[in-house]
């Protein structure tokens, strides 16, 4: 895979930390023994000592818990995993026309608070209409946020839902990205590092893809095909990872 292709895929070659995150975020229970993670590093050209150092630093930063020789995800990474897992399932076709609206009510926030809130909104698949105002169709559960935020659920009048969705998200860009990733999955089966990077790109896309009601998406919505085909791709990748950590 060339540098240009790396850029288009949107995922850099793994370092020790990003490899650990990618593997654990993809597991039903995000935990693996340390020796397994060290063995997995070999096909990626990561030295055992480098992986052990990365694991220690991740524990110190509160990203991982270490217990009994195993490492497990902690903290905000679990919210990321939850959003990722939701994205791998198709949305239920149960939209009643209602919308979620989230508005900031506090007069000021720090930069760190703004960044954290934005990440939370993206994980909740909310679309930003304007600064401090987010909304989406209420076909998903509402977002759980702290105080200083107003949350409303109900019908909207005065705007066409399809036009509003296209203001919140670029559906042509989402569709084009899903088609590109479908092609990348077809080309990535025989090389573990490339397959892992492709999986990371697909998972990132599905974590941010808005999971819209079917009535608000085009008839040729290739995101549904990507989600379905990724299940088999992920099964094959899981078998390859198991072979790598068993050696």
Protein backbone atom coordinates (compact mmCIF):
# COMPACT_ATOMS: atom_id res chain seq x y z
CA UNK A 1 0.00 0.00 0.00
CA UNK A 2 1.51 3.31 -1.11
CA UNK A 3 1.70 6.51 0.94
CA UNK A 4 -0.99 8.00 -1.29
CA UNK A 5 -3.27 5.03 -0.59
CA UNK A 6 -2.59 5.42 3.16
CA UNK A 7 -3.85 8.97 2.90
CA UNK A 8 -7.00 8.03 1.02
CA UNK A 9 -7.79 5.25 3.45
CA UNK A 10 -7.37 7.72 6.30
CA UNK A 11 -5.49 5.30 8.55
CA UNK A 12 -1.74 5.47 9.09
CA UNK A 13 0.37 2.33 9.59
CA UNK A 14 -0.08 1.17 13.16
CA UNK A 15 2.24 2.07 15.97
CA UNK A 16 2.09 0.05 19.20
CA UNK A 17 -0.63 2.15 20.84
CA UNK A 18 -2.91 2.35 17.81
CA UNK A 19 -2.56 -1.39 17.21
CA UNK A 20 -3.62 -2.14 20.79
CA UNK A 21 -6.62 0.18 20.48
CA UNK A 22 -7.69 -1.23 17.13
CA UNK A 23 -7.57 -4.82 18.34
CA UNK A 24 -9.26 -4.27 21.70
CA UNK A 25 -11.98 -2.00 20.28
CA UNK A 26 -12.89 -4.78 17.87
CA UNK A 27 -13.34 -7.50 20.51
CA UNK A 28 -16.68 -8.29 22.19
CA UNK A 29 -14.86 -8.04 25.53
CA UNK A 30 -12.02 -5.51 25.06
CA UNK A 31 -9.34 -7.48 26.91
CA UNK A 32 -6.31 -9.56 25.87
CA UNK A 33 -3.30 -11.05 27.68
CA UNK A 34 -0.13 -9.01 27.41
CA UNK A 35 1.85 -11.83 25.71
CA UNK A 36 -0.83 -12.04 23.00
CA UNK A 37 -0.50 -8.32 22.27
CA UNK A 38 3.28 -8.65 22.14
CA UNK A 39 3.03 -11.53 19.65
CA UNK A 40 0.54 -9.62 17.53
CA UNK A 41 3.02 -6.77 17.19
CA UNK A 42 5.46 -8.91 15.18
CA UNK A 43 3.64 -8.88 11.79
CA UNK A 44 3.45 -5.09 12.09
CA UNK A 45 7.19 -4.67 12.59
CA UNK A 46 6.79 -3.54 16.20
CA UNK A 47 9.47 -4.78 18.59
CA UNK A 48 8.38 -6.61 21.77
CA UNK A 49 10.00 -3.99 23.99
CA UNK A 50 8.20 -1.21 22.14
CA UNK A 51 4.86 -2.91 22.68
CA UNK A 52 5.54 -3.50 26.39
CA UNK A 53 6.49 0.15 26.84
CA UNK A 54 3.32 1.28 25.04
CA UNK A 55 1.16 -0.94 27.27
CA UNK A 56 2.77 0.51 30.41
CA UNK A 57 2.19 4.05 29.20
CA UNK A 58 -1.43 3.34 28.31
CA UNK A 59 -2.01 2.01 31.82
CA UNK A 60 -0.40 5.13 33.29
CA UNK A 61 -2.67 7.36 31.16
CA UNK A 62 -5.79 5.51 32.30
CA UNK A 63 -6.52 4.03 28.87
CA UNK A 64 -6.00 0.45 29.99
CA UNK A 65 -6.40 -1.55 33.17
CA UNK A 66 -3.78 -4.22 33.87
CA UNK A 67 -4.88 -7.24 35.88
CA UNK A 68 -3.56 -10.77 35.98
CA UNK A 69 -1.31 -10.20 32.99
CA UNK A 70 -4.17 -8.96 30.78
CA UNK A 71 -5.02 -5.49 29.53
CA UNK A 72 -8.54 -4.06 29.18
CA UNK A 73 -9.91 -0.79 27.82
CA UNK A 74 -11.04 1.89 30.26
CA UNK A 75 -12.73 5.28 30.45
CA UNK A 76 -13.75 7.25 27.38
CA UNK A 77 -12.56 4.48 25.11
CA UNK A 78 -15.54 2.42 26.27
CA UNK A 79 -17.90 5.12 24.94
CA UNK A 80 -16.02 4.97 21.67
CA UNK A 81 -16.40 1.19 21.61
CA UNK A 82 -20.13 1.45 22.33
CA UNK A 83 -20.58 3.90 19.43
CA UNK A 84 -18.51 1.60 17.23
CA UNK A 85 -20.59 -1.46 18.14
CA UNK A 86 -23.85 0.40 17.46
CA UNK A 87 -22.57 1.40 14.04
CA UNK A 88 -22.02 -2.21 13.06
CA UNK A 89 -25.75 -2.92 13.40
CA UNK A 90 -28.34 -1.56 10.92
CA UNK A 91 -30.75 1.01 12.36
CA UNK A 92 -34.23 -0.20 13.19
CA UNK A 93 -36.88 1.04 10.80
CA UNK A 94 -39.03 2.56 13.55
CA UNK A 95 -38.83 6.32 13.01
CA UNK A 96 -42.02 8.18 13.98
CA UNK A 97 -40.94 11.55 12.56
CA UNK A 98 -39.56 12.91 15.84
CA UNK A 99 -36.17 14.57 16.23
CA UNK A 100 -33.65 14.98 19.02
CA UNK A 101 -32.44 18.54 19.59
CA UNK A 102 -29.49 19.25 21.89
CA UNK A 103 -28.54 22.84 22.74
CA UNK A 104 -25.83 24.19 25.02
CA UNK A 105 -27.24 26.46 27.73
CA UNK A 106 -24.08 27.43 29.62
CA UNK A 107 -22.63 30.83 28.61
CA UNK A 108 -19.02 29.66 28.34
CA UNK A 109 -16.93 26.51 28.19
CA UNK A 110 -13.24 25.71 28.08
CA UNK A 111 -11.63 24.44 24.90
CA UNK A 112 -11.24 21.01 26.51
CA UNK A 113 -14.94 20.95 27.43
CA UNK A 114 -15.90 21.90 23.87
CA UNK A 115 -13.75 19.15 22.41
CA UNK A 116 -15.11 16.56 24.81
CA UNK A 117 -18.70 17.56 24.09
CA UNK A 118 -18.11 17.49 20.32
CA UNK A 119 -16.65 13.98 20.57
CA UNK A 120 -19.68 12.91 22.60
CA UNK A 121 -22.08 14.35 20.00
CA UNK A 122 -20.28 12.61 17.16
CA UNK A 123 -20.38 9.31 19.06
CA UNK A 124 -24.13 9.91 19.52
CA UNK A 125 -24.42 10.59 15.76
CA UNK A 126 -25.81 14.06 16.24
CA UNK A 127 -25.48 16.54 13.38
CA UNK A 128 -24.29 20.09 14.05
CA UNK A 129 -26.75 22.63 12.66
CA UNK A 130 -24.78 25.56 14.04
CA UNK A 131 -22.37 26.05 16.97
CA UNK A 132 -23.89 24.67 20.18
CA UNK A 133 -26.99 23.28 18.43
CA UNK A 134 -27.13 19.63 17.41
CA UNK A 135 -29.96 17.44 16.14
CA UNK A 136 -30.86 14.19 14.44
CA UNK A 137 -33.89 12.00 13.69
CA UNK A 138 -35.04 10.25 16.87
CA UNK A 139 -34.76 6.72 15.49
CA UNK A 140 -31.90 6.16 17.98
CA UNK A 141 -31.84 6.48 21.75
CA UNK A 142 -31.15 9.96 23.06
CA UNK A 143 -27.75 11.22 24.10
CA UNK A 144 -26.81 11.17 27.80
CA UNK A 145 -25.06 14.43 28.65
CA UNK A 146 -24.27 16.46 31.74
CA UNK A 147 -25.95 19.61 33.04
CA UNK A 148 -25.91 22.88 31.08
CA UNK A 149 -27.44 21.11 28.09
CA UNK A 150 -31.08 21.22 26.97
CA UNK A 151 -32.43 18.10 25.25
CA UNK A 152 -35.78 18.05 23.43
CA UNK A 153 -37.52 15.26 21.55
CA UNK A 154 -40.44 15.99 19.24
CA UNK A 155 -41.64 16.75 15.71
CA UNK A 156 -40.20 19.55 13.59
CA UNK A 157 -42.23 21.85 11.36
CA UNK A 158 -41.14 24.30 8.70
CA UNK A 159 -38.30 22.19 7.24
CA UNK A 160 -38.39 19.22 4.89
CA UNK A 161 -36.75 16.30 6.76
CA UNK A 162 -34.75 15.16 3.72
CA UNK A 163 -33.44 18.68 3.09
CA UNK A 164 -32.57 19.08 6.75
CA UNK A 165 -30.67 15.78 6.81
CA UNK A 166 -28.67 16.94 3.81
CA UNK A 167 -27.76 20.13 5.66
CA UNK A 168 -26.52 18.13 8.63
CA UNK A 169 -24.60 15.47 6.67
CA UNK A 170 -23.26 15.17 3.14
CA UNK A 171 -25.07 12.04 1.98
CA UNK A 172 -23.26 11.92 -1.41
CA UNK A 173 -19.90 12.00 0.40
CA UNK A 174 -21.01 9.28 2.83
CA UNK A 175 -22.21 7.09 -0.03
CA UNK A 176 -18.98 7.62 -1.99
CA UNK A 177 -16.87 6.76 1.05
CA UNK A 178 -18.83 3.56 1.67
CA UNK A 179 -18.31 2.47 -1.94
CA UNK A 180 -14.58 3.15 -1.69
CA UNK A 181 -14.34 1.07 1.49
CA UNK A 182 -16.25 -1.79 -0.14
CA UNK A 183 -13.55 -1.90 -2.80
CA UNK A 184 -10.77 -1.75 -0.21
CA UNK A 185 -12.20 -4.75 1.64
CA UNK A 186 -12.07 -6.75 -1.60
CA UNK A 187 -8.36 -5.93 -1.94
CA UNK A 188 -7.27 -6.49 1.67
CA UNK A 189 -7.85 -10.14 2.55
CA UNK A 190 -4.36 -11.60 2.18
CA UNK A 191 -2.23 -9.20 4.23
CA UNK A 192 -2.88 -8.84 7.97
CA UNK A 193 -1.50 -5.30 8.45
CA UNK A 194 -3.39 -3.99 5.40
CA UNK A 195 -6.57 -5.82 6.43
CA UNK A 196 -6.29 -4.33 9.92
CA UNK A 197 -5.92 -0.81 8.54
CA UNK A 198 -8.88 -1.36 6.23
CA UNK A 199 -10.95 -2.64 9.15
CA UNK A 200 -9.97 0.40 11.21
CA UNK A 201 -11.12 2.68 8.38
CA UNK A 202 -14.44 0.86 8.03
CA UNK A 203 -15.08 0.87 11.77
CA UNK A 204 -14.26 4.59 12.02
CA UNK A 205 -16.67 5.27 9.17
CA UNK A 206 -19.46 3.19 10.73
CA UNK A 207 -18.86 4.88 14.10
CA UNK A 208 -19.49 8.30 12.56
CA UNK A 209 -22.09 7.36 9.90
CA UNK A 210 -25.40 8.84 11.11
CA UNK A 211 -27.60 5.70 11.07
CA UNK A 212 -30.48 7.55 9.46
CA UNK A 213 -34.00 6.20 9.01
CA UNK A 214 -34.39 4.47 5.66
CA UNK A 215 -37.01 6.99 4.58
CA UNK A 216 -34.34 9.73 4.73
CA UNK A 217 -31.62 7.95 2.72
CA UNK A 218 -31.34 7.33 -1.05
CA UNK A 219 -32.56 4.01 -2.43
CA UNK A 220 -29.01 3.01 -3.40
CA UNK A 221 -27.62 3.59 0.08
CA UNK A 222 -24.42 1.50 -0.11
CA UNK A 223 -23.74 1.97 3.61
CA UNK A 224 -26.12 -0.92 4.26
CA UNK A 225 -24.10 -3.19 1.96
CA UNK A 226 -20.85 -2.12 3.63
CA UNK A 227 -22.24 -2.90 7.07
CA UNK A 228 -23.42 -6.34 5.94
CA UNK A 229 -20.21 -7.29 4.13
CA UNK A 230 -18.02 -6.06 6.95
CA UNK A 231 -19.42 -8.74 9.24
CA UNK A 232 -17.79 -11.49 7.15
CA UNK A 233 -14.62 -9.43 6.65
CA UNK A 234 -14.37 -9.01 10.42
CA UNK A 235 -14.85 -12.74 11.01
CA UNK A 236 -12.00 -13.54 8.63
CA UNK A 237 -9.81 -10.87 10.21
CA UNK A 238 -10.56 -12.27 13.67
CA UNK A 239 -9.32 -15.69 12.59
CA UNK A 240 -6.12 -14.14 11.22
CA UNK A 241 -5.53 -12.25 14.49
CA UNK A 242 -6.06 -15.43 16.51
CA UNK A 243 -3.43 -17.20 14.40
CA UNK A 244 -1.01 -14.31 14.91
CA UNK A 245 -1.35 -14.23 18.69
CA UNK A 246 -1.18 -18.02 18.98
CA UNK A 247 2.21 -18.34 17.26
